Amino acid sequence: MENYPAPARALVADMSQKAAADPARAVAYQGAPGANSHLAALGYAPDCVPLPSFAFEDAIDAVRGGLAARAIIPIENSLHGRVADMHFLLPESGLHIVDEYFLRIRHCLMAPDTVPVKSAISHPQALGQCRHYLRERGIQPVAYADTAGAAALVAETRAPGEGAIAPYLAAEIYGLRLIAENIEDSDDNMTRFLVLAREPKAPAAGVGPVMTTFLFEVKNIPAALYKAMGGFATNGVNMTKLESYQRGASFAATEFYCDIEGMPGDPAVDRALAELEFHTKWVRVLGSYRQARPRT
């Protein structure tokens, strides 16, 4: 609780109490009240009880510990790419992906007064998504843990010339003035969130297109990735995302994050995954879920 700026603490305490009284409806998210993840939780499950968490690990721990039924975590943004550390946190969490949600991101510049803003505090993702706006106006970006927390900090310190980049909801919550709205560098600014739960939940029949997310590590031999991917091509399984990342300092083994259309139980997917397992060190399926936005 003390990690949050003072203007956010009372609201965080109140929201935490409400979540504790109804954990089955609680959805944990990273950030202070008013963050984009807060908006995502309400958009995904309008009847949920949002549970703010200071760090991604705290949101995951809330689900693992039974304080919340689900967590909603950003995984990638259309402008700024993947969210740092998610590829490491997901496999270590022990949780399962049960859904996805897309949120149109609209950033606002806010401050306690109308004094020209010289520096803007926000989450690194938000700063990156508004970098052209900031550069054109000579505003210095300052990184913080989350967007709404930055707004709360600005409301607390009330330093002249200091503003925050956050959703409109944060300005309402912390009593800040909206200096400018929709300052993101593109109208097509979208963040994809994954919904995590303790137990897997297979998509119901007839819900529409389904996505499966998994991780794997290739063998450190020539053509390892080419061979691992062959089964998806020969079985007609559409792969919508393939991202590599390194774990450890050796840089000898590459792990991959992958999204495909379909799910285990589909004959073509089963054959493709079987071939993948043959050509890799390991494969870990994180979950199958309904596509919130069709990929094809």
Protein backbone atom coordinates (compact mmCIF):
# COMPACT_ATOMS: atom_id res chain seq x y z
CA MET A 1 0.00 0.00 0.00
CA GLU A 2 2.81 2.41 0.86
CA ASN A 3 4.24 2.01 -2.64
CA TYR A 4 1.40 4.10 -4.03
CA PRO A 5 1.42 7.91 -3.90
CA ALA A 6 -0.70 9.27 -1.06
CA PRO A 7 -3.71 10.33 -3.20
CA ALA A 8 -4.18 6.72 -4.36
CA ARG A 9 -3.83 4.89 -1.04
CA ALA A 10 -7.32 5.34 0.38
CA LEU A 11 -8.93 4.23 -2.87
CA VAL A 12 -6.57 1.24 -3.17
CA ALA A 13 -7.47 0.22 0.40
CA ASP A 14 -11.19 0.51 -0.34
CA MET A 15 -10.93 -1.48 -3.58
CA SER A 16 -8.83 -4.14 -1.86
CA GLN A 17 -11.45 -4.54 0.88
CA LYS A 18 -14.21 -4.95 -1.70
CA ALA A 19 -12.16 -7.56 -3.57
CA ALA A 20 -11.44 -9.45 -0.35
CA ALA A 21 -15.18 -9.63 0.32
CA ASP A 22 -15.88 -11.07 -3.13
CA PRO A 23 -12.75 -12.75 -4.55
CA ALA A 24 -14.75 -14.76 -7.10
CA ARG A 25 -15.53 -11.49 -8.91
CA ALA A 26 -12.16 -9.85 -8.32
CA VAL A 27 -9.91 -9.12 -11.30
CA ALA A 28 -6.37 -8.11 -10.36
CA TYR A 29 -4.48 -5.61 -12.50
CA GLN A 30 -1.17 -3.78 -12.31
CA GLY A 31 -1.32 -0.11 -11.50
CA ALA A 32 -3.11 2.47 -9.42
CA PRO A 33 -6.83 3.22 -9.74
CA GLY A 34 -7.43 4.90 -13.09
CA ALA A 35 -4.74 3.00 -15.03
CA ASN A 36 -5.35 1.58 -18.49
CA SER A 37 -5.36 -1.88 -16.93
CA HIS A 38 -8.16 -0.69 -14.62
CA LEU A 39 -10.15 0.35 -17.70
CA ALA A 40 -9.33 -3.00 -19.32
CA ALA A 41 -10.65 -4.91 -16.29
CA LEU A 42 -13.92 -2.98 -16.37
CA GLY A 43 -14.22 -3.35 -20.13
CA TYR A 44 -13.54 -7.06 -20.03
CA ALA A 45 -15.84 -7.81 -17.08
CA PRO A 46 -18.13 -4.85 -16.31
CA ASP A 47 -19.49 -6.55 -13.18
CA CYS A 48 -16.05 -7.39 -11.78
CA VAL A 49 -14.44 -6.06 -8.61
CA PRO A 50 -11.16 -4.48 -9.79
CA LEU A 51 -8.17 -5.17 -7.53
CA PRO A 52 -5.22 -2.78 -8.01
CA SER A 53 -1.72 -4.27 -7.65
CA PHE A 54 1.50 -2.28 -7.59
CA ALA A 55 3.51 -4.68 -9.78
CA PHE A 56 2.72 -7.38 -12.33
CA GLU A 57 4.01 -9.97 -9.87
CA ASP A 58 1.54 -8.69 -7.26
CA ALA A 59 -1.40 -9.15 -9.65
CA ILE A 60 -0.25 -12.68 -10.43
CA ASP A 61 0.26 -13.45 -6.73
CA ALA A 62 -3.27 -12.22 -6.00
CA VAL A 63 -4.66 -14.92 -8.29
CA ARG A 64 -2.31 -17.61 -7.03
CA GLY A 65 -3.22 -16.75 -3.45
CA GLY A 66 -6.97 -16.75 -4.04
CA LEU A 67 -7.41 -13.00 -3.55
CA ALA A 68 -8.72 -12.70 -7.11
CA ALA A 69 -10.23 -15.13 -9.58
CA ARG A 70 -8.44 -13.59 -12.55
CA ALA A 71 -5.72 -11.14 -13.50
CA ILE A 72 -5.67 -9.01 -16.63
CA ILE A 73 -2.15 -8.32 -17.88
CA PRO A 74 -0.97 -6.31 -20.93
CA ILE A 75 1.10 -8.39 -23.32
CA GLU A 76 1.68 -6.13 -26.35
CA ASN A 77 0.87 -2.75 -27.85
CA SER A 78 0.34 -1.92 -31.51
CA LEU A 79 2.76 1.05 -31.34
CA HIS A 80 5.35 0.08 -28.76
CA GLY A 81 5.56 -3.70 -29.13
CA ARG A 82 5.60 -6.30 -26.40
CA VAL A 83 5.45 -5.42 -22.74
CA ALA A 84 8.78 -6.06 -21.04
CA ASP A 85 9.15 -9.11 -18.77
CA MET A 86 5.81 -10.68 -19.72
CA HIS A 87 7.50 -13.54 -21.56
CA PHE A 88 9.37 -14.38 -18.36
CA LEU A 89 6.51 -13.83 -15.92
CA LEU A 90 3.92 -15.90 -17.79
CA PRO A 91 5.69 -19.29 -17.66
CA GLU A 92 6.81 -18.72 -14.07
CA SER A 93 3.34 -17.71 -12.88
CA GLY A 94 1.80 -21.19 -12.95
CA LEU A 95 -1.40 -19.56 -14.24
CA HIS A 96 -3.35 -20.27 -17.41
CA ILE A 97 -4.52 -17.92 -20.15
CA VAL A 98 -8.31 -18.12 -20.33
CA ASP A 99 -9.18 -15.06 -22.40
CA GLU A 100 -7.89 -11.97 -24.17
CA TYR A 101 -9.09 -8.38 -24.37
CA PHE A 102 -8.19 -5.44 -26.60
CA LEU A 103 -8.30 -1.87 -25.28
CA ARG A 104 -8.11 1.25 -27.44
CA ILE A 105 -5.53 3.40 -25.68
CA ARG A 106 -6.21 7.12 -25.35
CA HIS A 107 -3.54 9.08 -23.49
CA CYS A 108 -4.11 12.45 -21.84
CA LEU A 109 -1.63 14.99 -20.56
CA MET A 110 -2.74 16.24 -17.15
CA ALA A 111 -1.38 18.54 -14.46
CA PRO A 112 -2.51 20.30 -11.27
CA ASP A 113 -2.75 23.68 -13.04
CA THR A 114 -2.32 25.36 -16.40
CA VAL A 115 1.40 26.16 -16.01
CA PRO A 116 3.21 24.93 -19.16
CA VAL A 117 4.29 21.32 -18.70
CA LYS A 118 8.06 20.80 -18.89
CA SER A 119 8.21 17.14 -17.83
CA ALA A 120 5.70 14.30 -18.10
CA ILE A 121 5.70 11.28 -15.81
CA SER A 122 4.21 7.98 -16.96
CA HIS A 123 4.78 4.30 -17.62
CA PRO A 124 7.55 3.66 -20.20
CA GLN A 125 5.01 2.14 -22.59
CA ALA A 126 2.85 5.27 -22.47
CA LEU A 127 5.86 7.54 -22.90
CA GLY A 128 6.93 5.53 -25.93
CA GLN A 129 3.45 5.74 -27.43
CA CYS A 130 3.51 9.56 -27.10
CA ARG A 131 7.16 10.18 -27.95
CA HIS A 132 6.48 12.36 -31.02
CA TYR A 133 4.05 14.56 -29.10
CA LEU A 134 6.56 15.01 -26.28
CA ARG A 135 9.53 15.66 -28.55
CA GLU A 136 7.70 18.26 -30.64
CA ARG A 137 6.84 20.24 -27.49
CA GLY A 138 10.14 19.80 -25.69
CA ILE A 139 8.55 17.90 -22.81
CA GLN A 140 10.96 15.67 -20.89
CA PRO A 141 9.67 12.10 -20.38
CA VAL A 142 10.09 10.61 -16.89
CA ALA A 143 9.43 6.90 -16.33
CA TYR A 144 7.21 5.64 -13.51
CA ALA A 145 5.62 2.33 -12.51
CA ASP A 146 2.23 3.02 -14.13
CA THR A 147 0.17 5.75 -15.75
CA ALA A 148 -2.39 6.36 -13.02
CA GLY A 149 0.26 6.15 -10.32
CA ALA A 150 2.09 8.92 -12.14
CA ALA A 151 -1.09 11.01 -12.07
CA ALA A 152 -1.44 10.39 -8.33
CA LEU A 153 2.19 11.38 -7.80
CA VAL A 154 1.73 14.62 -9.73
CA ALA A 155 -1.39 15.37 -7.69
CA GLU A 156 0.60 14.76 -4.50
CA THR A 157 3.73 16.77 -5.30
CA ARG A 158 2.06 19.53 -7.34
CA ALA A 159 5.47 20.54 -8.68
CA PRO A 160 5.29 23.47 -11.14
CA GLY A 161 5.70 22.35 -14.75
CA GLU A 162 5.28 18.67 -13.91
CA GLY A 163 2.50 16.68 -15.57
CA ALA A 164 1.47 13.08 -16.11
CA ILE A 165 0.35 11.00 -19.06
CA ALA A 166 -2.57 8.79 -18.08
CA PRO A 167 -6.16 7.89 -19.02
CA TYR A 168 -8.91 10.48 -18.54
CA LEU A 169 -10.19 8.46 -15.55
CA ALA A 170 -7.00 9.25 -13.62
CA ALA A 171 -7.59 12.98 -14.01
CA GLU A 172 -11.10 12.57 -12.60
CA ILE A 173 -9.92 10.45 -9.68
CA TYR A 174 -6.99 12.64 -8.62
CA GLY A 175 -8.44 16.05 -9.41
CA LEU A 176 -6.05 17.03 -12.22
CA ARG A 177 -6.69 19.33 -15.17
CA LEU A 178 -6.71 17.85 -18.66
CA ILE A 179 -4.08 19.78 -20.62
CA ALA A 180 -4.45 17.74 -23.83
CA GLU A 181 -6.36 14.63 -24.88
CA ASN A 182 -5.59 11.85 -27.35
CA ILE A 183 -1.88 12.66 -27.51
CA GLU A 184 -0.82 9.18 -28.62
CA ASP A 185 1.19 9.11 -31.85
CA SER A 186 -1.36 7.02 -33.76
CA ASP A 187 -5.12 6.69 -33.86
CA ASP A 188 -4.62 2.94 -34.04
CA ASN A 189 -3.14 2.58 -30.56
CA MET A 190 -4.34 -0.74 -29.20
CA THR A 191 -3.13 -2.86 -26.29
CA ARG A 192 -3.78 -6.57 -26.07
CA PHE A 193 -4.37 -7.99 -22.59
CA LEU A 194 -4.31 -11.61 -21.46
CA VAL A 195 -6.65 -12.85 -18.75
CA LEU A 196 -5.05 -15.34 -16.36
CA ALA A 197 -6.66 -17.81 -13.96
CA ARG A 198 -5.53 -20.64 -11.68
CA GLU A 199 -7.21 -23.34 -13.77
CA PRO A 200 -7.38 -23.73 -17.55
CA LYS A 201 -10.72 -23.11 -19.20
CA ALA A 202 -11.34 -24.63 -22.61
CA PRO A 203 -13.37 -22.38 -24.94
CA ALA A 204 -16.98 -23.47 -25.25
CA ALA A 205 -18.08 -25.04 -28.52
CA GLY A 206 -19.36 -22.54 -31.04
CA VAL A 207 -17.75 -19.44 -29.52
CA GLY A 208 -15.97 -18.68 -32.78
CA PRO A 209 -12.26 -18.63 -33.68
CA VAL A 210 -9.94 -19.89 -30.95
CA MET A 211 -6.34 -19.01 -30.13
CA THR A 212 -3.70 -21.09 -28.35
CA THR A 213 -0.57 -19.60 -26.78
CA PHE A 214 2.51 -21.65 -25.97
CA LEU A 215 6.24 -21.39 -25.33
CA PHE A 216 9.04 -23.61 -26.56
CA GLU A 217 12.82 -23.83 -26.60
CA VAL A 218 14.64 -24.91 -29.74
CA LYS A 219 17.62 -27.22 -29.78
CA ASN A 220 20.91 -25.45 -30.41
CA ILE A 221 21.52 -27.05 -33.81
CA PRO A 222 21.35 -25.82 -37.42
CA ALA A 223 17.82 -25.44 -38.86
CA ALA A 224 16.24 -26.11 -35.46
CA LEU A 225 13.55 -23.45 -35.85
CA TYR A 226 12.87 -24.39 -39.47
CA LYS A 227 12.22 -27.99 -38.47
CA ALA A 228 10.14 -26.98 -35.45
CA MET A 229 7.86 -24.81 -37.59
CA GLY A 230 7.39 -27.33 -40.38
CA GLY A 231 4.47 -29.11 -38.76
CA PHE A 232 2.34 -25.97 -38.70
CA ALA A 233 2.83 -25.39 -42.42
CA THR A 234 2.19 -28.98 -43.48
CA ASN A 235 -0.92 -29.24 -41.29
CA GLY A 236 -2.37 -25.88 -42.32
CA VAL A 237 -2.26 -24.31 -38.85
CA ASN A 238 -2.12 -20.51 -38.96
CA MET A 239 0.56 -18.97 -36.75
CA THR A 240 -0.22 -15.35 -35.87
CA LYS A 241 2.75 -14.56 -33.63
CA LEU A 242 6.28 -15.88 -33.12
CA GLU A 243 8.67 -13.95 -30.87
CA SER A 244 12.09 -14.98 -29.63
CA TYR A 245 13.69 -14.10 -26.31
CA GLN A 246 16.80 -15.11 -24.41
CA ARG A 247 16.83 -16.50 -20.90
CA GLY A 248 20.09 -16.34 -18.96
CA ALA A 249 23.47 -14.94 -19.91
CA SER A 250 24.76 -17.74 -22.13
CA PHE A 251 22.77 -16.69 -25.23
CA ALA A 252 23.04 -20.32 -26.30
CA ALA A 253 19.38 -21.33 -26.15
CA THR A 254 16.51 -19.34 -27.61
CA GLU A 255 12.97 -19.57 -26.32
CA PHE A 256 9.92 -18.58 -28.33
CA TYR A 257 6.46 -17.21 -27.56
CA CYS A 258 3.87 -18.36 -30.08
CA ASP A 259 0.17 -17.81 -30.90
CA ILE A 260 -1.70 -20.10 -33.28
CA GLU A 261 -5.29 -20.36 -34.42
CA GLY A 262 -7.00 -23.50 -33.12
CA MET A 263 -6.52 -25.54 -29.97
CA PRO A 264 -5.37 -28.96 -28.75
CA GLY A 265 -8.00 -31.50 -29.68
CA ASP A 266 -8.13 -30.24 -33.25
CA PRO A 267 -6.43 -32.98 -35.30
CA ALA A 268 -4.31 -30.53 -37.30
CA VAL A 269 -3.17 -28.71 -34.16
CA ASP A 270 -2.38 -31.98 -32.39
CA ARG A 271 -0.21 -33.14 -35.29
CA ALA A 272 1.60 -29.79 -35.48
CA LEU A 273 2.29 -29.74 -31.73
CA ALA A 274 3.50 -33.33 -31.80
CA GLU A 275 6.02 -32.46 -34.50
CA LEU A 276 7.03 -29.35 -32.56
CA GLU A 277 7.72 -31.42 -29.45
CA PHE A 278 9.90 -33.78 -31.48
CA HIS A 279 12.14 -30.96 -32.70
CA THR A 280 12.38 -28.89 -29.48
CA LYS A 281 13.64 -29.31 -25.93
CA TRP A 282 10.23 -28.60 -24.43
CA VAL A 283 6.81 -27.11 -25.20
CA ARG A 284 4.54 -25.45 -22.63
CA VAL A 285 0.95 -24.62 -23.55
CA LEU A 286 -0.22 -21.56 -21.60
CA GLY A 287 -3.86 -21.71 -22.63
CA SER A 288 -6.54 -21.80 -25.31
CA TYR A 289 -9.18 -19.09 -25.48
CA ARG A 290 -11.68 -17.34 -27.72
CA GLN A 291 -10.24 -14.74 -30.07
CA ALA A 292 -11.46 -11.32 -29.00
CA ARG A 293 -10.56 -10.03 -32.46
CA PRO A 294 -10.45 -12.37 -35.49
CA ARG A 295 -6.94 -12.67 -36.91
CA THR A 296 -8.03 -13.73 -40.40
